[in-house]
Amino acid sequence: MARGIDEFDLIRRYFEPLSNGEPGALGLRDDAAWLRPDPGTEIIVSADAIVAGVHFPTSTMPGDVARRALRVNLSDIAAKGAQARCYTLTLQLPDTVDEEWLAAFAAGLAGDHETYGVSLLGGDTTRTSGPLSLSINIFGQIAENSMIKRSSAGAEDDVYVSGTIGDACLGLGSIVGGLAVDDAADRAFLEGRFWRPDPRVSLGPALVGVATASADVSDGLVADLGHICAASDVVAEIHQHLVPISDAARRLVTDNQPLRTNLMTGGDDYEIVFTAPVSARETIVSIASQIGVSITRIGCTIPVTSGATAVTVHDEAGDIVEVGVGGYRHFGEHVAG
């Protein structure tokens, strides 16, 4: 933990209130917690760790660190069709962290508790000589045997994606100074999409029994669709001009083809990419209308052939668009210092 802060006082003051609503947390006063699923449901578990200077700039405000850490995990649970319930939090705090930082961090979590209906189940805090880092294990509930896996896509399914793609990577470019966004409103929108992802918690559960496979778009649209293809033993063809982008992104990209391609590979979108049979098209249109989230059909899956690429991207003329590795690779370059 950070220097000069008593660990138990830290827990009592900032984190114990976040456990309200989950009786198994025991007020964060025990060595462990318990979690009992509701009758007829299963527990779905996911985990993500984020590190300052790797997954977010070191200058990120504490409330945004908290919201980003929680929301990227909520996105994982949503993509499986589950409802998030609670989470554990492990914090490695450098000496630069003070009580003001912790108060703002806890407030960021508290705000998202109200928005997403989750509680803190437990965790740990410790001091580190390295950068600020934190890890969340999140627990969701879903009806038995109904989780939407990566491995169940059919060979002639449609491919869909929610929301818009590429805003967060453009926002990060603006934040770290690598991309000039002259319009103030566009800059605020794009940077906000990086700082505060919008996990599709209403969409995921609505896709249970409709989607054949799904994943959240964290590493990049091409990469995460590729994960579905690899697990399902299919390949996919998508069309760049059909991939939905925001008005802010469109004004920025114009005719810059390399930048346009980066939107599909930059990652941090936290949308849901999924496959579904052709027979589900009207149902998916209805789901989008009911929950108020745009869903766009961008391509299809096909059987694997010898030497086929997991995901092939075509432009409007039908030519293949080169996308490189297709997305973020862990243990690669840092995003910011």
Protein backbone atom coordinates (compact mmCIF):
# COMPACT_ATOMS: atom_id res chain seq x y z
CA MET A 1 0.00 0.00 0.00
CA ALA A 2 1.02 3.63 -0.33
CA ARG A 3 3.35 5.08 2.28
CA GLY A 4 1.73 6.62 5.36
CA ILE A 5 -1.66 4.94 4.86
CA ASP A 6 -2.74 2.17 7.22
CA GLU A 7 -4.10 -0.76 5.19
CA PHE A 8 -7.03 -1.54 7.47
CA ASP A 9 -8.02 2.10 7.77
CA LEU A 10 -7.82 2.34 3.97
CA ILE A 11 -10.18 -0.62 3.59
CA ARG A 12 -12.61 0.63 6.23
CA ARG A 13 -12.74 4.18 4.90
CA TYR A 14 -12.72 3.73 1.13
CA PHE A 15 -13.63 0.16 0.22
CA GLU A 16 -15.90 -1.30 2.89
CA PRO A 17 -18.81 0.91 1.73
CA LEU A 18 -18.41 -0.56 -1.76
CA SER A 19 -19.26 -4.04 -0.44
CA ASN A 20 -22.83 -3.07 0.50
CA GLY A 21 -25.33 -5.23 -1.39
CA GLU A 22 -23.30 -8.44 -1.38
CA PRO A 23 -23.74 -10.25 1.96
CA GLY A 24 -20.97 -12.72 1.19
CA ALA A 25 -18.44 -9.87 1.29
CA LEU A 26 -18.83 -9.86 5.10
CA GLY A 27 -18.07 -6.15 5.19
CA LEU A 28 -14.52 -6.91 3.95
CA ARG A 29 -13.68 -7.98 7.51
CA ASP A 30 -12.69 -11.59 6.87
CA ASP A 31 -9.94 -13.46 5.00
CA ALA A 32 -12.35 -14.68 2.33
CA ALA A 33 -15.86 -14.19 1.02
CA TRP A 34 -18.67 -16.47 -0.12
CA LEU A 35 -20.79 -16.33 -3.25
CA ARG A 36 -23.98 -18.32 -3.76
CA PRO A 37 -25.60 -18.33 -7.22
CA ASP A 38 -29.34 -17.88 -7.49
CA PRO A 39 -31.31 -21.09 -8.19
CA GLY A 40 -31.05 -22.21 -11.81
CA THR A 41 -28.07 -20.00 -12.58
CA GLU A 42 -24.33 -20.40 -13.00
CA ILE A 43 -21.48 -18.10 -12.05
CA ILE A 44 -19.43 -16.68 -14.94
CA VAL A 45 -15.94 -15.46 -14.01
CA SER A 46 -13.53 -13.18 -15.86
CA ALA A 47 -10.42 -11.20 -14.93
CA ASP A 48 -8.40 -8.30 -16.29
CA ALA A 49 -5.33 -6.51 -15.02
CA ILE A 50 -4.36 -2.99 -16.08
CA VAL A 51 -1.03 -1.23 -15.55
CA ALA A 52 -0.20 2.47 -15.68
CA GLY A 53 1.89 3.27 -18.75
CA VAL A 54 0.77 0.07 -20.48
CA HIS A 55 -3.03 0.14 -20.53
CA PHE A 56 -3.62 3.77 -19.63
CA PRO A 57 -1.45 6.91 -19.45
CA THR A 58 0.19 7.56 -16.09
CA SER A 59 -1.54 10.96 -15.99
CA THR A 60 -5.02 9.38 -15.92
CA MET A 61 -7.29 10.77 -13.22
CA PRO A 62 -8.06 8.27 -10.41
CA GLY A 63 -11.81 8.22 -11.06
CA ASP A 64 -11.17 7.35 -14.70
CA VAL A 65 -8.73 4.60 -13.68
CA ALA A 66 -11.46 3.11 -11.49
CA ARG A 67 -14.19 3.32 -14.08
CA ARG A 68 -11.99 1.97 -16.84
CA ALA A 69 -10.81 -0.98 -14.73
CA LEU A 70 -14.35 -1.96 -13.78
CA ARG A 71 -15.96 -1.37 -17.16
CA VAL A 72 -13.50 -3.45 -19.18
CA ASN A 73 -14.42 -6.37 -16.92
CA LEU A 74 -18.13 -5.64 -17.21
CA SER A 75 -17.65 -5.82 -20.98
CA ASP A 76 -16.22 -9.35 -20.72
CA ILE A 77 -19.21 -10.53 -18.69
CA ALA A 78 -21.70 -8.84 -21.04
CA ALA A 79 -20.20 -10.55 -24.09
CA LYS A 80 -20.95 -13.91 -22.49
CA GLY A 81 -24.61 -12.99 -22.04
CA ALA A 82 -24.36 -12.73 -18.25
CA GLN A 83 -25.46 -10.12 -15.72
CA ALA A 84 -22.57 -8.79 -13.62
CA ARG A 85 -22.99 -9.24 -9.86
CA CYS A 86 -19.79 -8.50 -7.92
CA TYR A 87 -16.01 -8.35 -8.19
CA THR A 88 -12.75 -8.54 -6.28
CA LEU A 89 -10.09 -5.85 -6.54
CA THR A 90 -6.34 -6.10 -6.07
CA LEU A 91 -4.40 -2.83 -5.91
CA GLN A 92 -0.62 -2.38 -6.16
CA LEU A 93 0.00 1.22 -5.08
CA PRO A 94 3.21 3.22 -5.53
CA ASP A 95 4.32 5.75 -2.94
CA THR A 96 2.96 8.58 -5.09
CA VAL A 97 -0.62 7.54 -4.26
CA ASP A 98 -2.12 9.54 -1.41
CA GLU A 99 -5.49 9.63 0.35
CA GLU A 100 -6.87 12.21 -2.06
CA TRP A 101 -6.15 9.83 -4.95
CA LEU A 102 -7.76 6.92 -3.09
CA ALA A 103 -10.87 8.93 -2.26
CA ALA A 104 -11.35 9.89 -5.92
CA PHE A 105 -10.67 6.30 -7.04
CA ALA A 106 -13.26 4.89 -4.61
CA ALA A 107 -15.77 7.55 -5.68
CA GLY A 108 -15.33 6.49 -9.31
CA LEU A 109 -16.11 2.90 -8.37
CA ALA A 110 -19.09 3.96 -6.25
CA GLY A 111 -20.62 5.84 -9.17
CA ASP A 112 -20.37 2.79 -11.40
CA HIS A 113 -21.84 0.59 -8.68
CA GLU A 114 -25.00 2.64 -8.94
CA THR A 115 -24.96 2.54 -12.74
CA TYR A 116 -24.27 -1.17 -13.17
CA GLY A 117 -25.64 -2.71 -9.97
CA VAL A 118 -22.45 -4.41 -8.76
CA SER A 119 -20.72 -4.68 -5.38
CA LEU A 120 -17.18 -5.22 -4.17
CA LEU A 121 -16.70 -8.75 -2.83
CA GLY A 122 -13.14 -8.48 -1.51
CA GLY A 123 -9.54 -8.01 -2.57
CA ASP A 124 -6.10 -6.92 -1.44
CA THR A 125 -3.89 -3.84 -1.31
CA THR A 126 -0.11 -3.72 -1.29
CA ARG A 127 2.76 -1.32 -1.91
CA THR A 128 4.81 -1.55 -5.09
CA SER A 129 8.06 0.01 -6.31
CA GLY A 130 6.74 -0.26 -9.85
CA PRO A 131 3.88 1.48 -11.62
CA LEU A 132 0.33 1.60 -10.34
CA SER A 133 -1.44 -1.61 -11.28
CA LEU A 134 -4.73 -3.22 -10.43
CA SER A 135 -6.58 -6.42 -11.19
CA ILE A 136 -10.28 -7.18 -11.10
CA ASN A 137 -11.94 -10.59 -10.98
CA ILE A 138 -15.59 -10.17 -11.90
CA PHE A 139 -18.47 -12.56 -11.27
CA GLY A 140 -21.68 -12.66 -13.27
CA GLN A 141 -24.79 -14.83 -13.30
CA ILE A 142 -26.50 -16.53 -16.21
CA ALA A 143 -29.11 -19.23 -16.65
CA GLU A 144 -27.56 -22.69 -16.62
CA ASN A 145 -25.91 -23.83 -19.86
CA SER A 146 -26.61 -20.59 -21.73
CA MET A 147 -23.24 -18.75 -21.79
CA ILE A 148 -22.39 -17.46 -25.26
CA LYS A 149 -19.00 -18.96 -26.07
CA ARG A 150 -16.41 -18.03 -28.67
CA SER A 151 -16.44 -21.57 -30.03
CA SER A 152 -19.97 -21.98 -31.40
CA ALA A 153 -20.04 -19.88 -34.59
CA GLY A 154 -21.46 -21.65 -37.63
CA ALA A 155 -19.81 -21.75 -41.03
CA GLU A 156 -22.47 -19.58 -42.71
CA ASP A 157 -23.35 -17.13 -39.93
CA ASP A 158 -23.70 -13.38 -40.19
CA VAL A 159 -21.14 -11.25 -38.33
CA TYR A 160 -22.37 -8.26 -36.30
CA VAL A 161 -20.83 -5.59 -34.11
CA SER A 162 -22.47 -3.17 -31.70
CA GLY A 163 -21.96 0.60 -31.47
CA THR A 164 -19.10 2.23 -33.32
CA ILE A 165 -15.52 1.09 -33.80
CA GLY A 166 -12.27 3.03 -33.48
CA ASP A 167 -13.28 5.94 -31.26
CA ALA A 168 -11.12 4.86 -28.33
CA CYS A 169 -7.96 4.38 -30.36
CA LEU A 170 -8.42 7.86 -31.84
CA GLY A 171 -9.08 9.22 -28.35
CA LEU A 172 -5.91 7.64 -27.02
CA GLY A 173 -3.96 9.13 -29.93
CA SER A 174 -5.28 12.54 -28.95
CA ILE A 175 -4.54 12.00 -25.24
CA VAL A 176 -0.89 11.05 -25.79
CA GLY A 177 -0.33 13.74 -28.42
CA GLY A 178 0.11 11.47 -31.41
CA LEU A 179 -3.04 12.64 -33.20
CA ALA A 180 -4.33 16.19 -33.63
CA VAL A 181 -8.09 16.58 -33.17
CA ASP A 182 -8.84 20.24 -33.78
CA ASP A 183 -12.56 20.20 -33.05
CA ALA A 184 -13.01 20.48 -29.28
CA ALA A 185 -16.32 18.58 -29.19
CA ASP A 186 -14.91 15.73 -31.28
CA ARG A 187 -11.79 15.61 -29.12
CA ALA A 188 -13.87 15.40 -25.91
CA PHE A 189 -16.06 12.66 -27.38
CA LEU A 190 -13.17 10.52 -28.64
CA GLU A 191 -11.09 10.89 -25.47
CA GLY A 192 -14.16 10.10 -23.40
CA ARG A 193 -14.61 6.86 -25.30
CA PHE A 194 -11.13 5.83 -24.13
CA TRP A 195 -11.41 7.06 -20.55
CA ARG A 196 -14.93 5.76 -19.94
CA PRO A 197 -15.86 2.69 -22.01
CA ASP A 198 -19.57 1.89 -22.34
CA PRO A 199 -19.90 -1.88 -21.74
CA ARG A 200 -22.93 -3.31 -23.52
CA VAL A 201 -24.50 -4.80 -20.42
CA SER A 202 -28.04 -4.71 -21.86
CA LEU A 203 -27.07 -6.24 -25.20
CA GLY A 204 -25.19 -9.32 -24.00
CA PRO A 205 -28.08 -10.92 -22.08
CA ALA A 206 -30.46 -10.09 -24.95
CA LEU A 207 -28.29 -12.15 -27.30
CA VAL A 208 -28.63 -15.38 -25.28
CA GLY A 209 -30.28 -17.94 -27.54
CA VAL A 210 -29.74 -15.69 -30.58
CA ALA A 211 -25.97 -15.25 -31.02
CA THR A 212 -23.96 -18.37 -31.80
CA ALA A 213 -20.65 -16.89 -30.58
CA SER A 214 -19.47 -13.56 -29.18
CA ALA A 215 -16.52 -11.64 -27.77
CA ASP A 216 -15.97 -8.15 -26.45
CA VAL A 217 -13.83 -5.91 -28.66
CA SER A 218 -10.82 -5.17 -26.48
CA ASP A 219 -7.82 -6.05 -28.66
CA GLY A 220 -9.39 -4.76 -31.87
CA LEU A 221 -12.33 -5.77 -34.07
CA VAL A 222 -10.24 -7.89 -36.45
CA ALA A 223 -8.31 -9.57 -33.63
CA ASP A 224 -11.34 -10.38 -31.48
CA LEU A 225 -13.37 -11.66 -34.41
CA GLY A 226 -10.28 -13.73 -35.21
CA HIS A 227 -10.47 -15.24 -31.71
CA ILE A 228 -14.03 -16.35 -32.45
CA CYS A 229 -12.95 -17.82 -35.78
CA ALA A 230 -10.05 -19.73 -34.26
CA ALA A 231 -12.20 -21.18 -31.48
CA SER A 232 -15.05 -22.06 -33.87
CA ASP A 233 -12.90 -23.40 -36.73
CA VAL A 234 -14.32 -20.97 -39.29
CA VAL A 235 -13.03 -17.91 -41.11
CA ALA A 236 -14.75 -14.56 -41.59
CA GLU A 237 -15.02 -11.98 -44.32
CA ILE A 238 -15.98 -8.44 -43.33
CA HIS A 239 -16.41 -5.23 -45.32
CA GLN A 240 -14.60 -2.13 -44.18
CA HIS A 241 -17.25 0.27 -45.48
CA LEU A 242 -19.88 -1.51 -43.36
CA VAL A 243 -17.92 -1.29 -40.09
CA PRO A 244 -19.75 1.44 -38.12
CA ILE A 245 -17.78 4.53 -37.15
CA SER A 246 -18.92 7.66 -35.33
CA ASP A 247 -19.39 11.05 -36.94
CA ALA A 248 -16.35 12.32 -35.00
CA ALA A 249 -14.20 9.50 -36.37
CA ARG A 250 -15.52 10.04 -39.88
CA ARG A 251 -14.64 13.74 -39.80
CA LEU A 252 -11.14 12.90 -38.62
CA VAL A 253 -10.39 10.00 -40.97
CA THR A 254 -11.79 11.45 -44.24
CA ASP A 255 -9.72 9.75 -46.99
CA ASN A 256 -6.81 8.65 -44.75
CA GLN A 257 -6.88 4.91 -45.52
CA PRO A 258 -4.17 3.84 -43.02
CA LEU A 259 -6.01 5.67 -40.23
CA ARG A 260 -9.32 4.15 -41.35
CA THR A 261 -7.76 0.69 -41.16
CA ASN A 262 -6.39 1.43 -37.68
CA LEU A 263 -9.95 1.86 -36.42
CA MET A 264 -10.49 -1.89 -36.91
CA THR A 265 -7.27 -2.88 -35.15
CA GLY A 266 -6.68 -0.25 -32.45
CA GLY A 267 -8.75 -1.90 -29.72
CA ASP A 268 -10.31 -0.54 -26.52
CA ASP A 269 -13.77 -0.30 -28.11
CA TYR A 270 -15.50 -2.62 -25.62
CA GLU A 271 -18.29 -3.26 -28.07
CA ILE A 272 -19.59 -6.79 -28.75
CA VAL A 273 -18.74 -8.66 -31.94
CA PHE A 274 -20.91 -11.70 -32.49
CA THR A 275 -22.16 -14.22 -35.00
CA ALA A 276 -25.73 -15.34 -35.59
CA PRO A 277 -27.59 -17.42 -38.18
CA VAL A 278 -29.16 -15.69 -41.17
CA SER A 279 -32.58 -16.64 -39.78
CA ALA A 280 -31.99 -14.32 -36.78
CA ARG A 281 -31.75 -11.08 -38.77
CA GLU A 282 -35.21 -9.75 -37.90
CA THR A 283 -34.74 -10.73 -34.25
CA ILE A 284 -31.47 -8.80 -34.06
CA VAL A 285 -33.09 -5.71 -35.58
CA SER A 286 -35.77 -5.97 -32.90
CA ILE A 287 -33.18 -6.37 -30.10
CA ALA A 288 -31.34 -3.26 -31.27
CA SER A 289 -34.57 -1.27 -31.24
CA GLN A 290 -35.68 -2.54 -27.84
CA ILE A 291 -32.42 -1.82 -25.99
CA GLY A 292 -31.42 1.31 -27.91
CA VAL A 293 -28.01 0.06 -29.05
CA SER A 294 -27.03 0.09 -32.72
CA ILE A 295 -26.08 -3.29 -34.17
CA THR A 296 -24.52 -3.52 -37.64
CA ARG A 297 -24.09 -6.56 -39.87
CA ILE A 298 -20.57 -6.32 -41.29
CA GLY A 299 -19.88 -9.67 -42.94
CA CYS A 300 -20.19 -13.42 -42.63
CA THR A 301 -18.36 -16.59 -41.66
CA ILE A 302 -17.40 -19.29 -44.14
CA PRO A 303 -15.82 -22.73 -43.86
CA VAL A 304 -12.06 -22.92 -43.40
CA THR A 305 -10.01 -23.57 -46.51
CA SER A 306 -6.30 -24.38 -46.73
CA GLY A 307 -4.15 -21.32 -46.00
CA ALA A 308 -7.14 -19.07 -45.25
CA THR A 309 -6.69 -16.04 -43.02
CA ALA A 310 -8.93 -15.98 -39.94
CA VAL A 311 -10.43 -12.62 -40.89
CA THR A 312 -10.27 -11.05 -44.34
CA VAL A 313 -11.25 -7.39 -44.71
CA HIS A 314 -12.54 -6.11 -48.06
CA ASP A 315 -12.96 -2.52 -49.21
CA GLU A 316 -16.01 -1.25 -51.06
CA ALA A 317 -14.54 -2.38 -54.40
CA GLY A 318 -14.03 -5.89 -53.05
CA ASP A 319 -10.25 -5.64 -52.78
CA ILE A 320 -8.48 -7.02 -49.71
CA VAL A 321 -7.42 -4.48 -47.08
CA GLU A 322 -4.13 -5.31 -45.35
CA VAL A 323 -4.57 -5.08 -41.57
CA GLY A 324 -1.25 -6.41 -40.24
CA VAL A 325 -1.49 -8.40 -36.99
CA GLY A 326 -5.08 -7.19 -36.62
CA GLY A 327 -4.98 -5.82 -33.08
CA TYR A 328 -3.28 -5.22 -29.75
CA ARG A 329 -0.74 -7.81 -28.61
CA HIS A 330 0.08 -8.18 -24.92
CA PHE A 331 3.77 -7.87 -24.03
CA GLY A 332 4.15 -5.44 -26.92
CA GLU A 333 4.73 -1.69 -26.84
CA HIS A 334 3.43 0.53 -24.03
CA VAL A 335 0.64 2.92 -24.87
CA ALA A 336 1.95 5.81 -22.84
CA GLY A 337 4.60 6.91 -20.39
